[in-house]
Amino acid sequence: SMRAVAEHGRMLQVPINYGEFGVGRDGNQSERDTDLVREYYRTVVQTALAEGMSSTVWDDRGWFGLVEQDGTNTFRFKFDIVPYMLAED
């Protein structure tokens, strides 16, 4: 578990970055537009913070995309994952 990794890092006095996590879909991207997916991202970020770890979400602009560009050169958060992930309680 993330908490066990954090505890091990504290024991070794090594900082931990929980990196490159995410939920990807090759075909049906709409499967990522769910509260379950948004809550996963938020849970990972909040658990990392609570345990004194940093976190790095994965965004490949494809399967794991979090930001997308429309035809007018405007960027937006895909499925509102990022605002939900970073929202404070």
N, C-alpha and C. Protein backbone atom coordinates (compact mmCIF):
# COMPACT_ATOMS: atom_id res chain seq x y z
N SER A 1 0.84 -1.19 0.00
CA SER A 1 0.00 0.00 0.00
C SER A 1 0.88 1.25 0.00
N MET A 2 0.28 2.36 -0.35
CA MET A 2 1.02 3.63 -0.35
C MET A 2 1.53 3.96 1.04
N ARG A 3 0.74 3.67 2.04
CA ARG A 3 1.16 3.97 3.42
C ARG A 3 2.38 3.14 3.83
N ALA A 4 2.41 1.89 3.39
CA ALA A 4 3.56 1.04 3.69
C ALA A 4 4.82 1.56 2.99
N VAL A 5 4.68 2.02 1.76
CA VAL A 5 5.82 2.60 1.04
C VAL A 5 6.31 3.85 1.76
N ALA A 6 5.38 4.69 2.20
CA ALA A 6 5.75 5.91 2.92
C ALA A 6 6.48 5.58 4.22
N GLU A 7 5.98 4.59 4.94
CA GLU A 7 6.61 4.18 6.20
C GLU A 7 8.02 3.66 5.95
N HIS A 8 8.19 2.88 4.91
CA HIS A 8 9.51 2.35 4.57
C HIS A 8 10.47 3.49 4.22
N GLY A 9 9.97 4.47 3.48
CA GLY A 9 10.79 5.63 3.15
C GLY A 9 11.21 6.40 4.39
N ARG A 10 10.29 6.55 5.33
CA ARG A 10 10.63 7.23 6.59
C ARG A 10 11.68 6.44 7.37
N MET A 11 11.52 5.13 7.39
CA MET A 11 12.47 4.28 8.10
C MET A 11 13.88 4.43 7.51
N LEU A 12 13.96 4.52 6.19
CA LEU A 12 15.25 4.66 5.52
C LEU A 12 15.70 6.12 5.40
N GLN A 13 14.82 7.03 5.81
CA GLN A 13 15.06 8.47 5.68
C GLN A 13 15.30 8.86 4.22
N VAL A 14 14.43 8.32 3.36
CA VAL A 14 14.49 8.58 1.92
C VAL A 14 13.16 9.20 1.49
N PRO A 15 13.18 10.35 0.84
CA PRO A 15 11.92 10.93 0.36
C PRO A 15 11.34 10.07 -0.77
N ILE A 16 10.03 10.03 -0.81
CA ILE A 16 9.33 9.21 -1.80
C ILE A 16 8.50 10.11 -2.71
N ASN A 17 8.61 9.89 -4.01
CA ASN A 17 7.70 10.49 -4.99
C ASN A 17 6.88 9.37 -5.59
N TYR A 18 5.57 9.46 -5.42
CA TYR A 18 4.67 8.48 -6.02
C TYR A 18 4.41 8.96 -7.44
N GLY A 19 5.11 8.40 -8.41
CA GLY A 19 5.13 8.98 -9.74
C GLY A 19 4.45 8.17 -10.81
N GLU A 20 4.05 8.91 -11.82
CA GLU A 20 3.48 8.37 -13.05
C GLU A 20 2.31 7.44 -12.81
N PHE A 21 1.34 7.92 -12.05
CA PHE A 21 0.13 7.14 -11.83
C PHE A 21 -1.00 7.70 -12.69
N GLY A 22 -1.98 6.88 -12.96
CA GLY A 22 -3.12 7.36 -13.73
C GLY A 22 -4.01 6.22 -14.18
N VAL A 23 -5.07 6.59 -14.86
CA VAL A 23 -6.03 5.64 -15.43
C VAL A 23 -6.09 5.92 -16.93
N GLY A 24 -5.74 4.93 -17.73
CA GLY A 24 -5.74 5.10 -19.17
C GLY A 24 -6.72 4.17 -19.86
N ARG A 25 -7.14 4.59 -21.02
CA ARG A 25 -8.00 3.76 -21.87
C ARG A 25 -7.56 3.95 -23.31
N ASP A 26 -7.32 2.85 -23.98
CA ASP A 26 -6.89 2.89 -25.38
C ASP A 26 -8.05 3.27 -26.29
N GLY A 27 -9.16 2.62 -26.13
CA GLY A 27 -10.27 2.82 -27.05
C GLY A 27 -11.31 3.80 -26.57
N ASN A 28 -12.05 3.42 -25.57
CA ASN A 28 -13.20 4.20 -25.11
C ASN A 28 -12.81 5.17 -24.00
N GLN A 29 -12.38 6.37 -24.38
CA GLN A 29 -11.95 7.37 -23.41
C GLN A 29 -13.08 7.78 -22.46
N SER A 30 -14.33 7.66 -22.88
CA SER A 30 -15.44 8.07 -22.02
C SER A 30 -15.51 7.22 -20.75
N GLU A 31 -14.89 6.05 -20.74
CA GLU A 31 -14.84 5.23 -19.53
C GLU A 31 -14.07 5.93 -18.41
N ARG A 32 -13.27 6.92 -18.76
CA ARG A 32 -12.50 7.67 -17.75
C ARG A 32 -13.32 8.82 -17.17
N ASP A 33 -14.46 9.12 -17.76
CA ASP A 33 -15.30 10.23 -17.31
C ASP A 33 -16.28 9.74 -16.25
N THR A 34 -15.74 9.27 -15.13
CA THR A 34 -16.57 8.75 -14.05
C THR A 34 -16.07 9.27 -12.71
N ASP A 35 -16.96 9.30 -11.74
CA ASP A 35 -16.55 9.71 -10.39
C ASP A 35 -15.53 8.74 -9.81
N LEU A 36 -15.62 7.47 -10.17
CA LEU A 36 -14.66 6.48 -9.68
C LEU A 36 -13.24 6.83 -10.10
N VAL A 37 -13.07 7.21 -11.35
CA VAL A 37 -11.74 7.58 -11.85
C VAL A 37 -11.27 8.87 -11.19
N ARG A 38 -12.15 9.88 -11.13
CA ARG A 38 -11.76 11.14 -10.49
C ARG A 38 -11.38 10.91 -9.02
N GLU A 39 -12.11 10.07 -8.34
CA GLU A 39 -11.82 9.78 -6.93
C GLU A 39 -10.50 9.03 -6.77
N TYR A 40 -10.17 8.17 -7.72
CA TYR A 40 -8.87 7.47 -7.68
C TYR A 40 -7.73 8.49 -7.70
N TYR A 41 -7.77 9.40 -8.65
CA TYR A 41 -6.72 10.42 -8.74
C TYR A 41 -6.65 11.22 -7.44
N ARG A 42 -7.79 11.63 -6.95
CA ARG A 42 -7.81 12.44 -5.73
C ARG A 42 -7.28 11.66 -4.52
N THR A 43 -7.67 10.40 -4.41
CA THR A 43 -7.22 9.57 -3.30
C THR A 43 -5.70 9.40 -3.31
N VAL A 44 -5.14 9.17 -4.48
CA VAL A 44 -3.68 9.02 -4.57
C VAL A 44 -2.99 10.30 -4.15
N VAL A 45 -3.44 11.45 -4.66
CA VAL A 45 -2.81 12.73 -4.32
C VAL A 45 -2.95 13.02 -2.83
N GLN A 46 -4.15 12.85 -2.28
CA GLN A 46 -4.36 13.17 -0.86
C GLN A 46 -3.61 12.20 0.05
N THR A 47 -3.54 10.93 -0.32
CA THR A 47 -2.79 9.97 0.49
C THR A 47 -1.31 10.30 0.47
N ALA A 48 -0.78 10.63 -0.70
CA ALA A 48 0.63 11.02 -0.80
C ALA A 48 0.92 12.23 0.08
N LEU A 49 0.09 13.24 0.00
CA LEU A 49 0.28 14.44 0.83
C LEU A 49 0.21 14.11 2.32
N ALA A 50 -0.78 13.32 2.70
CA ALA A 50 -0.95 12.96 4.11
C ALA A 50 0.24 12.18 4.65
N GLU A 51 0.91 11.44 3.78
CA GLU A 51 2.05 10.62 4.19
C GLU A 51 3.39 11.32 3.95
N GLY A 52 3.34 12.59 3.55
CA GLY A 52 4.58 13.34 3.35
C GLY A 52 5.32 13.01 2.07
N MET A 53 4.60 12.45 1.10
CA MET A 53 5.21 12.12 -0.19
C MET A 53 4.76 13.15 -1.23
N SER A 54 5.54 13.27 -2.28
CA SER A 54 5.09 14.04 -3.44
C SER A 54 4.46 13.07 -4.43
N SER A 55 3.73 13.61 -5.40
CA SER A 55 3.12 12.75 -6.40
C SER A 55 3.23 13.41 -7.77
N THR A 56 3.29 12.57 -8.79
CA THR A 56 3.37 13.04 -10.17
C THR A 56 2.39 12.23 -11.01
N VAL A 57 1.36 12.88 -11.48
CA VAL A 57 0.36 12.21 -12.29
C VAL A 57 0.89 12.06 -13.72
N TRP A 58 0.46 11.02 -14.40
CA TRP A 58 0.90 10.75 -15.76
C TRP A 58 -0.10 11.34 -16.75
N ASP A 59 0.37 12.13 -17.69
CA ASP A 59 -0.45 12.68 -18.76
C ASP A 59 0.32 12.53 -20.06
N ASP A 60 -0.12 11.62 -20.91
CA ASP A 60 0.56 11.40 -22.19
C ASP A 60 -0.20 12.04 -23.34
N ARG A 61 -1.23 12.83 -23.04
CA ARG A 61 -2.10 13.46 -24.03
C ARG A 61 -2.79 12.42 -24.93
N GLY A 62 -2.79 11.19 -24.47
CA GLY A 62 -3.43 10.11 -25.20
C GLY A 62 -4.28 9.29 -24.24
N TRP A 63 -3.90 8.05 -24.05
CA TRP A 63 -4.66 7.14 -23.18
C TRP A 63 -4.84 7.71 -21.79
N PHE A 64 -3.83 8.39 -21.28
CA PHE A 64 -3.84 8.92 -19.92
C PHE A 64 -4.01 10.44 -19.92
N GLY A 65 -4.56 11.00 -20.98
CA GLY A 65 -4.64 12.45 -21.13
C GLY A 65 -5.45 13.14 -20.04
N LEU A 66 -4.91 14.25 -19.56
CA LEU A 66 -5.59 15.08 -18.56
C LEU A 66 -5.86 16.48 -19.08
N VAL A 67 -5.13 16.89 -20.11
CA VAL A 67 -5.30 18.20 -20.73
C VAL A 67 -5.47 17.96 -22.22
N GLU A 68 -6.42 18.67 -22.83
CA GLU A 68 -6.60 18.53 -24.27
C GLU A 68 -6.79 19.89 -24.91
N GLN A 69 -6.45 19.98 -26.18
CA GLN A 69 -6.53 21.22 -26.93
C GLN A 69 -7.68 21.12 -27.92
N ASP A 70 -8.49 22.18 -27.97
CA ASP A 70 -9.56 22.17 -28.96
C ASP A 70 -9.06 22.83 -30.25
N GLY A 71 -9.93 23.01 -31.20
CA GLY A 71 -9.55 23.56 -32.49
C GLY A 71 -9.19 25.04 -32.47
N THR A 72 -9.42 25.72 -31.36
CA THR A 72 -9.14 27.16 -31.28
C THR A 72 -7.89 27.46 -30.47
N ASN A 73 -7.05 26.46 -30.29
CA ASN A 73 -5.81 26.63 -29.52
C ASN A 73 -6.07 26.89 -28.04
N THR A 74 -7.21 26.46 -27.57
CA THR A 74 -7.56 26.58 -26.15
C THR A 74 -7.38 25.22 -25.50
N PHE A 75 -6.83 25.23 -24.31
CA PHE A 75 -6.63 24.00 -23.56
C PHE A 75 -7.68 23.89 -22.47
N ARG A 76 -8.07 22.66 -22.17
CA ARG A 76 -9.02 22.43 -21.08
C ARG A 76 -8.68 21.12 -20.39
N PHE A 77 -9.15 21.00 -19.17
CA PHE A 77 -8.94 19.76 -18.43
C PHE A 77 -9.92 18.71 -18.91
N LYS A 78 -9.42 17.56 -19.27
CA LYS A 78 -10.24 16.47 -19.77
C LYS A 78 -10.98 15.81 -18.61
N PHE A 79 -12.28 15.72 -18.74
CA PHE A 79 -13.16 15.07 -17.77
C PHE A 79 -13.08 15.70 -16.37
N ASP A 80 -12.54 16.90 -16.27
CA ASP A 80 -12.41 17.62 -14.98
C ASP A 80 -11.66 16.80 -13.93
N ILE A 81 -10.77 15.94 -14.38
CA ILE A 81 -10.00 15.11 -13.44
C ILE A 81 -9.07 15.97 -12.61
N VAL A 82 -8.33 16.88 -13.25
CA VAL A 82 -7.33 17.68 -12.52
C VAL A 82 -7.97 18.57 -11.46
N PRO A 83 -9.00 19.37 -11.79
CA PRO A 83 -9.60 20.19 -10.72
C PRO A 83 -10.13 19.36 -9.56
N TYR A 84 -10.72 18.22 -9.86
CA TYR A 84 -11.24 17.35 -8.80
C TYR A 84 -10.10 16.76 -7.98
N MET A 85 -9.04 16.35 -8.66
CA MET A 85 -7.89 15.74 -8.00
C MET A 85 -7.24 16.71 -7.02
N LEU A 86 -7.19 17.99 -7.37
CA LEU A 86 -6.48 18.98 -6.56
C LEU A 86 -7.38 19.76 -5.61
N ALA A 87 -8.68 19.51 -5.65
CA ALA A 87 -9.60 20.24 -4.78
C ALA A 87 -9.35 19.90 -3.32
N GLU A 88 -9.47 20.92 -2.50
CA GLU A 88 -9.34 20.69 -1.05
C GLU A 88 -10.69 20.26 -0.50
N ASP A 89 -10.64 19.49 0.56
CA ASP A 89 -11.90 19.03 1.19
C ASP A 89 -12.69 20.17 1.75
